[in-house]
Amino acid sequence: MPKEINIRFIYEETENEFEPLSVEYETGDNHSMLAYLLAYITANESLKKPCFLNYFEKDLKVLILENALEKMNGSN
């Protein structure tokens, strides 16, 4: 039976940057499919625009560090 992962990303955009307002997604217990989906999108977007992978890597590192800092500070 086909299953679905829905992602909703809301943001505000200015001329120079954007600000995420919310990210909503539901995977149930299937995190490997979410990982595949992100890898698939990254690979395809990298073919279209090679610099995409650099942006993705930078953003991923920043988000991981932010999450680690929040955890260390007891916010999460």
C-alpha atoms as a PDB file:
ATOM      1  CA  MET A   1       0.000   0.000   0.000  1.00  0.00           C
ATOM      2  CA  PRO A   2       1.483   3.402  -0.961  1.00  0.00           C
ATOM      3  CA  LYS A   3       2.464   5.696   1.886  1.00  0.00           C
ATOM      4  CA  GLU A   4       3.080   9.415   1.918  1.00  0.00           C
ATOM      5  CA  ILE A   5       5.387  11.920   3.604  1.00  0.00           C
ATOM      6  CA  ASN A   6       4.055  15.464   3.582  1.00  0.00           C
ATOM      7  CA  ILE A   7       6.318  18.417   4.281  1.00  0.00           C
ATOM      8  CA  ARG A   8       5.068  21.941   4.824  1.00  0.00           C
ATOM      9  CA  PHE A   9       7.619  24.760   5.001  1.00  0.00           C
ATOM     10  CA  ILE A  10       6.461  28.331   5.591  1.00  0.00           C
ATOM     11  CA  TYR A  11       8.896  31.223   5.315  1.00  0.00           C
ATOM     12  CA  GLU A  12       9.214  34.933   4.700  1.00  0.00           C
ATOM     13  CA  GLU A  13      11.619  36.098   2.046  1.00  0.00           C
ATOM     14  CA  THR A  14      13.439  39.389   1.651  1.00  0.00           C
ATOM     15  CA  GLU A  15      15.808  40.451  -1.079  1.00  0.00           C
ATOM     16  CA  ASN A  16      18.869  39.054   0.731  1.00  0.00           C
ATOM     17  CA  GLU A  17      17.629  36.255   2.983  1.00  0.00           C
ATOM     18  CA  PHE A  18      14.688  34.241   4.232  1.00  0.00           C
ATOM     19  CA  GLU A  19      13.324  33.468   7.660  1.00  0.00           C
ATOM     20  CA  PRO A  20      11.728  30.093   8.346  1.00  0.00           C
ATOM     21  CA  LEU A  21       8.412  30.496  10.141  1.00  0.00           C
ATOM     22  CA  SER A  22       7.466  26.844  10.498  1.00  0.00           C
ATOM     23  CA  VAL A  23       8.388  23.369   9.319  1.00  0.00           C
ATOM     24  CA  GLU A  24       5.859  20.578   9.671  1.00  0.00           C
ATOM     25  CA  TYR A  25       6.261  16.952   8.637  1.00  0.00           C
ATOM     26  CA  GLU A  26       5.068  13.541   9.711  1.00  0.00           C
ATOM     27  CA  THR A  27       7.069  10.364   9.193  1.00  0.00           C
ATOM     28  CA  GLY A  28       5.554   8.012  11.714  1.00  0.00           C
ATOM     29  CA  ASP A  29       8.377   5.613  12.474  1.00  0.00           C
ATOM     30  CA  ASN A  30       9.834   5.650   8.968  1.00  0.00           C
ATOM     31  CA  HIS A  31      12.843   7.914   9.368  1.00  0.00           C
ATOM     32  CA  SER A  32      14.815   6.016   6.723  1.00  0.00           C
ATOM     33  CA  MET A  33      12.292   7.116   4.080  1.00  0.00           C
ATOM     34  CA  LEU A  34      12.624  10.741   5.197  1.00  0.00           C
ATOM     35  CA  ALA A  35      16.416  10.415   4.935  1.00  0.00           C
ATOM     36  CA  TYR A  36      16.041   8.953   1.436  1.00  0.00           C
ATOM     37  CA  LEU A  37      13.674  11.762   0.426  1.00  0.00           C
ATOM     38  CA  LEU A  38      16.119  14.450   1.586  1.00  0.00           C
ATOM     39  CA  ALA A  39      19.012  12.697  -0.174  1.00  0.00           C
ATOM     40  CA  TYR A  40      16.946  12.331  -3.363  1.00  0.00           C
ATOM     41  CA  ILE A  41      15.997  16.018  -3.391  1.00  0.00           C
ATOM     42  CA  THR A  42      19.588  17.053  -2.650  1.00  0.00           C
ATOM     43  CA  ALA A  43      20.996  14.899  -5.445  1.00  0.00           C
ATOM     44  CA  ASN A  44      18.471  16.159  -8.006  1.00  0.00           C
ATOM     45  CA  GLU A  45      18.847  19.810  -7.055  1.00  0.00           C
ATOM     46  CA  SER A  46      22.650  19.451  -7.188  1.00  0.00           C
ATOM     47  CA  LEU A  47      22.372  18.317 -10.802  1.00  0.00           C
ATOM     48  CA  LYS A  48      20.357  21.434 -11.627  1.00  0.00           C
ATOM     49  CA  LYS A  49      22.527  23.816  -9.644  1.00  0.00           C
ATOM     50  CA  PRO A  50      25.898  22.514  -8.365  1.00  0.00           C
ATOM     51  CA  CYS A  51      26.113  25.114  -5.570  1.00  0.00           C
ATOM     52  CA  PHE A  52      22.979  23.611  -3.968  1.00  0.00           C
ATOM     53  CA  LEU A  53      25.036  20.969  -2.176  1.00  0.00           C
ATOM     54  CA  ASN A  54      27.239  23.640  -0.592  1.00  0.00           C
ATOM     55  CA  TYR A  55      24.184  25.493   0.737  1.00  0.00           C
ATOM     56  CA  PHE A  56      22.668  22.246   1.997  1.00  0.00           C
ATOM     57  CA  GLU A  57      25.864  21.230   3.800  1.00  0.00           C
ATOM     58  CA  LYS A  58      26.280  24.657   5.403  1.00  0.00           C
ATOM     59  CA  ASP A  59      22.656  24.799   6.566  1.00  0.00           C
ATOM     60  CA  LEU A  60      22.783  21.242   7.890  1.00  0.00           C
ATOM     61  CA  LYS A  61      25.889  21.985   9.980  1.00  0.00           C
ATOM     62  CA  VAL A  62      24.357  25.180  11.367  1.00  0.00           C
ATOM     63  CA  LEU A  63      21.100  23.443  12.293  1.00  0.00           C
ATOM     64  CA  ILE A  64      22.940  20.559  13.986  1.00  0.00           C
ATOM     65  CA  LEU A  65      25.023  23.024  16.017  1.00  0.00           C
ATOM     66  CA  GLU A  66      21.945  25.051  16.977  1.00  0.00           C
ATOM     67  CA  ASN A  67      20.162  21.891  18.129  1.00  0.00           C
ATOM     68  CA  ALA A  68      23.208  20.789  20.135  1.00  0.00           C
ATOM     69  CA  LEU A  69      23.446  24.197  21.834  1.00  0.00           C
ATOM     70  CA  GLU A  70      19.753  24.128  22.704  1.00  0.00           C
ATOM     71  CA  LYS A  71      20.159  20.664  24.194  1.00  0.00           C
ATOM     72  CA  MET A  72      23.193  21.754  26.225  1.00  0.00           C
ATOM     73  CA  ASN A  73      21.273  24.753  27.533  1.00  0.00           C
ATOM     74  CA  GLY A  74      18.319  22.574  28.498  1.00  0.00           C
ATOM     75  CA  SER A  75      15.920  24.183  26.044  1.00  0.00           C
ATOM     76  CA  ASN A  76      14.979  20.909  24.416  1.00  0.00           C
END
